[in-house]
Amino acid sequence: MNATTKAIIDRLPKKPILAPGDISAAFGMASTNPILADIKAGRLAANVVGGKYYIAREEAVRYIESTEFKADEA
């Protein structure tokens, strides 16, 4: 895990259930739209209760790690 990915994960709230806004804030995004798009595309697992999305912190960490840039070794 690179330092940027670790910093993003460290900015997540220290609670077991997160909202899309928590994840977008950790990334420094101005909008939750990219997070909601990834939920709808199946790249980020979330439960929907009463029209609101709830994400397990472990899933948020997995998602953030999956977005990490990995340079190809040549």
C-alpha atoms as a PDB file:
ATOM      1  CA  MET A   1       0.000   0.000   0.000  1.00  0.00           C
ATOM      2  CA  ASN A   2       1.426   3.355  -0.978  1.00  0.00           C
ATOM      3  CA  ALA A   3       1.442   6.442   1.245  1.00  0.00           C
ATOM      4  CA  THR A   4      -1.423   8.137  -0.595  1.00  0.00           C
ATOM      5  CA  THR A   5      -3.714   5.139  -0.193  1.00  0.00           C
ATOM      6  CA  LYS A   6      -2.827   4.921   3.496  1.00  0.00           C
ATOM      7  CA  ALA A   7      -3.583   8.632   3.961  1.00  0.00           C
ATOM      8  CA  ILE A   8      -6.996   8.256   2.314  1.00  0.00           C
ATOM      9  CA  ILE A   9      -7.836   5.277   4.539  1.00  0.00           C
ATOM     10  CA  ASP A  10      -6.653   7.190   7.610  1.00  0.00           C
ATOM     11  CA  ARG A  11      -9.123   9.995   6.745  1.00  0.00           C
ATOM     12  CA  LEU A  12     -12.096   7.605   6.956  1.00  0.00           C
ATOM     13  CA  PRO A  13     -14.161   8.006  10.122  1.00  0.00           C
ATOM     14  CA  LYS A  14     -13.307   5.407  12.760  1.00  0.00           C
ATOM     15  CA  LYS A  15     -16.768   3.828  12.788  1.00  0.00           C
ATOM     16  CA  PRO A  16     -17.959   0.451  11.445  1.00  0.00           C
ATOM     17  CA  ILE A  17     -20.609   1.782   9.037  1.00  0.00           C
ATOM     18  CA  LEU A  18     -19.948   4.628   6.600  1.00  0.00           C
ATOM     19  CA  ALA A  19     -21.966   6.721   4.174  1.00  0.00           C
ATOM     20  CA  PRO A  20     -20.926   7.600   0.616  1.00  0.00           C
ATOM     21  CA  GLY A  21     -20.111  11.111   1.858  1.00  0.00           C
ATOM     22  CA  ASP A  22     -17.545   9.705   4.299  1.00  0.00           C
ATOM     23  CA  ILE A  23     -15.718   7.971   1.458  1.00  0.00           C
ATOM     24  CA  SER A  24     -15.865  10.911  -0.932  1.00  0.00           C
ATOM     25  CA  ALA A  25     -14.568  13.209   1.835  1.00  0.00           C
ATOM     26  CA  ALA A  26     -11.637  10.850   2.493  1.00  0.00           C
ATOM     27  CA  PHE A  27     -10.747  11.072  -1.209  1.00  0.00           C
ATOM     28  CA  GLY A  28     -11.181  14.873  -1.118  1.00  0.00           C
ATOM     29  CA  MET A  29     -14.036  14.811  -3.650  1.00  0.00           C
ATOM     30  CA  ALA A  30     -16.532  17.658  -3.826  1.00  0.00           C
ATOM     31  CA  SER A  31     -19.375  15.285  -4.716  1.00  0.00           C
ATOM     32  CA  THR A  32     -20.560  11.797  -3.809  1.00  0.00           C
ATOM     33  CA  ASN A  33     -21.545  11.118  -7.432  1.00  0.00           C
ATOM     34  CA  PRO A  34     -18.445   9.009  -8.289  1.00  0.00           C
ATOM     35  CA  ILE A  35     -18.956   6.891  -5.149  1.00  0.00           C
ATOM     36  CA  LEU A  36     -22.653   6.399  -5.917  1.00  0.00           C
ATOM     37  CA  ALA A  37     -21.772   5.450  -9.503  1.00  0.00           C
ATOM     38  CA  ASP A  38     -19.345   2.805  -8.224  1.00  0.00           C
ATOM     39  CA  ILE A  39     -22.016   1.431  -5.874  1.00  0.00           C
ATOM     40  CA  LYS A  40     -24.484   1.190  -8.751  1.00  0.00           C
ATOM     41  CA  ALA A  41     -21.832  -0.424 -10.990  1.00  0.00           C
ATOM     42  CA  GLY A  42     -21.045  -3.029  -8.307  1.00  0.00           C
ATOM     43  CA  ARG A  43     -17.489  -1.863  -7.614  1.00  0.00           C
ATOM     44  CA  LEU A  44     -18.395  -0.893  -4.029  1.00  0.00           C
ATOM     45  CA  ALA A  45     -20.760  -3.028  -1.952  1.00  0.00           C
ATOM     46  CA  ALA A  46     -23.399  -1.159   0.029  1.00  0.00           C
ATOM     47  CA  ASN A  47     -26.676  -1.877   1.755  1.00  0.00           C
ATOM     48  CA  VAL A  48     -29.660   0.334   1.044  1.00  0.00           C
ATOM     49  CA  VAL A  49     -32.018   1.129   3.900  1.00  0.00           C
ATOM     50  CA  GLY A  50     -34.745   3.695   3.469  1.00  0.00           C
ATOM     51  CA  GLY A  51     -33.135   4.995   0.285  1.00  0.00           C
ATOM     52  CA  LYS A  52     -29.768   5.616   1.985  1.00  0.00           C
ATOM     53  CA  TYR A  53     -26.541   3.727   1.299  1.00  0.00           C
ATOM     54  CA  TYR A  54     -24.544   2.164   4.124  1.00  0.00           C
ATOM     55  CA  ILE A  55     -21.045   0.769   3.579  1.00  0.00           C
ATOM     56  CA  ALA A  56     -19.020  -1.407   5.948  1.00  0.00           C
ATOM     57  CA  ARG A  57     -15.699   0.223   6.821  1.00  0.00           C
ATOM     58  CA  GLU A  58     -13.848  -2.934   5.728  1.00  0.00           C
ATOM     59  CA  GLU A  59     -15.523  -2.680   2.312  1.00  0.00           C
ATOM     60  CA  ALA A  60     -14.577   0.995   2.069  1.00  0.00           C
ATOM     61  CA  VAL A  61     -10.937   0.106   2.805  1.00  0.00           C
ATOM     62  CA  ARG A  62     -11.018  -2.663   0.160  1.00  0.00           C
ATOM     63  CA  TYR A  63     -12.525  -0.222  -2.336  1.00  0.00           C
ATOM     64  CA  ILE A  64      -9.896   2.453  -1.629  1.00  0.00           C
ATOM     65  CA  GLU A  65      -7.105  -0.101  -1.963  1.00  0.00           C
ATOM     66  CA  SER A  66      -8.591  -1.252  -5.285  1.00  0.00           C
ATOM     67  CA  THR A  67      -8.266   2.288  -6.678  1.00  0.00           C
ATOM     68  CA  GLU A  68      -4.543   2.466  -5.887  1.00  0.00           C
ATOM     69  CA  PHE A  69      -2.286   3.051  -8.872  1.00  0.00           C
ATOM     70  CA  LYS A  70       0.122   0.196  -9.444  1.00  0.00           C
ATOM     71  CA  ALA A  71       2.888   0.875 -11.948  1.00  0.00           C
ATOM     72  CA  ASP A  72       3.663  -1.943 -14.345  1.00  0.00           C
ATOM     73  CA  GLU A  73       7.076  -3.373 -13.779  1.00  0.00           C
ATOM     74  CA  ALA A  74       9.042  -3.621 -17.000  1.00  0.00           C
END
